[in-house]
Amino acid sequence: MLGKARVMDGFVIPDNIDSGEVEHILYEFSENDRHILKLCNSSLKRGWFGGVDEDDQELRQLDVLKLMARNYLLIKDLHGHDILPIGTKEKIETIGDGINEVFADL
């Protein structure tokens, strides 16, 4: 049996999630989305011979992938599937713990 839920910004959110926490998650999600779009639309640096600076390209792509992964975790939180607590720095024992550690300083 499904519990009560509310819809905010297109997400179906269980009522047992605190409204303040939801607002915080939605804000972080939209900021990450804005940064993703900005990074994806930015021009690549050119190297010495006019080609793409591959190191810069890899760093930017990694930044986009990190933000996308973080948004995935935020969506899971909004749906009440607490995969990783936000902002915890516990002992890393799983891949998920490692991902959480990467995003702790964003």
Protein backbone atom coordinates (compact mmCIF):
# COMPACT_ATOMS: atom_id res chain seq x y z
CA MET A 1 0.00 0.00 0.00
CA LEU A 2 1.39 3.38 -0.98
CA GLY A 3 1.61 6.20 1.55
CA LYS A 4 0.63 9.78 0.90
CA ALA A 5 2.83 11.79 -1.41
CA ARG A 6 3.15 15.29 -2.81
CA VAL A 7 4.45 16.60 -6.12
CA MET A 8 7.14 19.29 -6.17
CA ASP A 9 9.01 20.41 -9.28
CA GLY A 10 7.85 17.28 -11.11
CA PHE A 11 9.03 14.86 -8.39
CA VAL A 12 6.65 12.63 -6.43
CA ILE A 13 7.87 12.98 -2.86
CA PRO A 14 6.70 10.88 0.10
CA ASP A 15 5.09 12.91 2.90
CA ASN A 16 7.53 11.52 5.48
CA ILE A 17 10.39 13.60 4.04
CA ASP A 18 10.79 16.95 5.79
CA SER A 19 9.84 19.96 3.64
CA GLY A 20 13.05 21.80 4.55
CA GLU A 21 15.12 18.84 3.43
CA VAL A 22 13.13 18.64 0.18
CA GLU A 23 13.76 22.32 -0.51
CA HIS A 24 17.49 21.84 0.13
CA ILE A 25 17.64 18.82 -2.20
CA LEU A 26 15.67 20.58 -4.95
CA TYR A 27 17.93 23.62 -4.71
CA GLU A 28 21.09 21.51 -4.97
CA PHE A 29 19.56 19.55 -7.87
CA SER A 30 18.75 22.71 -9.84
CA GLU A 31 22.19 24.23 -9.15
CA ASN A 32 23.88 21.03 -10.32
CA ASP A 33 21.69 21.00 -13.43
CA ARG A 34 22.65 24.62 -14.18
CA HIS A 35 26.36 23.75 -13.81
CA ILE A 36 25.96 20.68 -16.04
CA LEU A 37 24.42 22.77 -18.81
CA LYS A 38 27.09 25.46 -18.43
CA LEU A 39 29.91 22.90 -18.63
CA CYS A 40 28.35 21.12 -21.61
CA ASN A 41 27.98 24.39 -23.52
CA SER A 42 31.44 25.77 -22.74
CA SER A 43 34.13 25.82 -25.39
CA LEU A 44 37.04 23.44 -25.10
CA LYS A 45 40.55 24.77 -24.66
CA ARG A 46 42.88 24.36 -27.60
CA GLY A 47 46.33 22.83 -27.39
CA TRP A 48 49.58 24.03 -28.92
CA PHE A 49 48.77 22.83 -32.43
CA GLY A 50 45.14 23.90 -32.51
CA GLY A 51 43.71 20.56 -31.38
CA VAL A 52 41.62 19.99 -28.31
CA ASP A 53 43.43 20.07 -24.96
CA GLU A 54 42.58 16.49 -23.96
CA ASP A 55 43.50 16.94 -20.29
CA ASP A 56 41.09 19.88 -19.98
CA GLN A 57 38.42 17.93 -21.86
CA GLU A 58 38.74 14.94 -19.50
CA LEU A 59 38.52 17.15 -16.42
CA ARG A 60 35.39 18.90 -17.67
CA GLN A 61 33.77 15.61 -18.64
CA LEU A 62 34.55 14.20 -15.19
CA ASP A 63 32.97 17.28 -13.58
CA VAL A 64 29.80 16.74 -15.64
CA LEU A 65 29.66 13.04 -14.75
CA LYS A 66 30.12 13.80 -11.04
CA LEU A 67 27.28 16.31 -11.08
CA MET A 68 25.06 13.88 -12.98
CA ALA A 69 25.81 11.11 -10.50
CA ARG A 70 25.09 13.46 -7.59
CA ASN A 71 21.75 14.43 -9.14
CA TYR A 72 20.88 10.74 -9.48
CA LEU A 73 21.47 10.32 -5.74
CA LEU A 74 19.40 13.43 -4.98
CA ILE A 75 16.51 12.05 -7.05
CA LYS A 76 16.69 8.80 -5.11
CA ASP A 77 16.58 10.81 -1.86
CA LEU A 78 13.55 12.78 -3.10
CA HIS A 79 11.73 9.51 -3.75
CA GLY A 80 12.52 8.29 -0.24
CA HIS A 81 15.18 5.77 -1.27
CA ASP A 82 17.96 6.79 1.09
CA ILE A 83 20.94 5.29 -0.72
CA LEU A 84 23.53 7.61 0.76
CA PRO A 85 23.07 10.12 3.53
CA ILE A 86 23.98 13.60 2.30
CA GLY A 87 27.22 15.02 3.65
CA THR A 88 28.39 12.12 5.82
CA LYS A 89 32.07 11.27 6.07
CA GLU A 90 32.09 7.78 7.48
CA LYS A 91 34.55 5.01 6.80
CA ILE A 92 34.51 4.11 3.10
CA GLU A 93 33.47 0.48 2.70
CA THR A 94 31.44 0.51 -0.51
CA ILE A 95 31.47 2.21 -3.91
CA GLY A 96 28.52 4.28 -2.70
CA ASP A 97 30.51 5.47 0.31
CA GLY A 98 33.29 6.57 -2.04
CA ILE A 99 30.85 8.46 -4.27
CA ASN A 100 29.39 10.17 -1.24
CA GLU A 101 32.87 11.24 -0.16
CA VAL A 102 33.52 12.75 -3.62
CA PHE A 103 30.38 14.86 -3.37
CA ALA A 104 30.78 15.92 0.25
CA ASP A 105 32.78 19.02 -0.75
CA LEU A 106 30.68 20.14 -3.73
